[in-house]
Amino acid sequence: MIKALTKIGFQTVRQKGSHLFMEHPDGRTTLISVHKGEDLGRGMIRKIIKDTKLTREEFLKILERL
């Protein structure tokens, strides 16, 4: 997930505990909960897609290119 967001221009702003804050130069922000060895839940993925203002299809295309 972090690699996909970085590919479209998001940068890590800060991390506090297991929460990684990412920001795009145009002002969009999102928070990712990072837990080693665990997958992101469906709800967290939906939240990230909503925060990044991408459609589901756009997001899937980005993931396919990784």
Protein backbone atom coordinates (compact mmCIF):
# COMPACT_ATOMS: atom_id res chain seq x y z
CA MET A 1 0.00 0.00 0.00
CA ILE A 2 2.77 2.43 0.93
CA LYS A 3 4.63 1.63 -2.29
CA ALA A 4 1.48 2.27 -4.36
CA LEU A 5 0.82 5.62 -2.70
CA THR A 6 4.45 6.66 -3.09
CA LYS A 7 4.25 5.81 -6.79
CA ILE A 8 1.41 8.32 -7.29
CA GLY A 9 3.18 11.11 -5.42
CA PHE A 10 2.34 10.66 -1.74
CA GLN A 11 5.17 11.18 0.74
CA THR A 12 5.53 10.08 4.32
CA VAL A 13 5.08 13.14 6.52
CA ARG A 14 5.44 11.53 9.92
CA GLN A 15 4.88 8.35 11.87
CA LYS A 16 3.57 8.06 15.38
CA GLY A 17 3.56 4.54 16.70
CA SER A 18 1.89 2.30 14.14
CA HIS A 19 0.24 5.21 12.29
CA LEU A 20 1.91 6.49 9.14
CA PHE A 21 0.73 9.88 7.83
CA MET A 22 1.14 10.43 4.09
CA GLU A 23 0.55 13.61 2.12
CA HIS A 24 0.35 14.45 -1.60
CA PRO A 25 1.76 17.77 -2.89
CA ASP A 26 -1.80 18.84 -3.83
CA GLY A 27 -2.92 18.58 -0.19
CA ARG A 28 -4.57 15.15 -0.05
CA THR A 29 -3.67 13.21 3.10
CA THR A 30 -4.22 9.72 4.41
CA LEU A 31 -3.29 7.67 7.43
CA ILE A 32 -2.14 4.06 7.24
CA SER A 33 -2.04 1.75 10.22
CA VAL A 34 1.15 -0.32 9.88
CA HIS A 35 1.36 -3.66 11.66
CA LYS A 36 4.16 -5.95 10.57
CA GLY A 37 2.89 -9.25 9.19
CA GLU A 38 -0.77 -8.18 9.06
CA ASP A 39 -2.88 -7.34 6.03
CA LEU A 40 -4.93 -4.17 5.84
CA GLY A 41 -8.63 -4.69 6.45
CA ARG A 42 -11.27 -3.99 3.84
CA GLY A 43 -12.50 -0.91 5.70
CA MET A 44 -9.00 0.58 5.97
CA ILE A 45 -8.43 0.06 2.23
CA ARG A 46 -11.73 1.78 1.44
CA LYS A 47 -10.78 4.69 3.71
CA ILE A 48 -7.42 5.11 1.98
CA ILE A 49 -9.08 5.07 -1.46
CA LYS A 50 -11.60 7.68 -0.26
CA ASP A 51 -8.86 9.85 1.31
CA THR A 52 -6.78 9.77 -1.88
CA LYS A 53 -9.82 10.72 -3.99
CA LEU A 54 -9.23 7.87 -6.43
CA THR A 55 -11.84 5.54 -7.84
CA ARG A 56 -11.62 1.86 -7.01
CA GLU A 57 -10.67 1.13 -10.63
CA GLU A 58 -7.88 3.74 -10.64
CA PHE A 59 -6.50 2.32 -7.42
CA LEU A 60 -6.55 -1.25 -8.75
CA LYS A 61 -4.67 -0.15 -11.89
CA ILE A 62 -1.97 1.38 -9.71
CA LEU A 63 -1.65 -1.85 -7.72
CA GLU A 64 -1.42 -3.91 -10.93
CA ARG A 65 1.55 -1.82 -12.13
CA LEU A 66 3.62 -2.61 -9.01
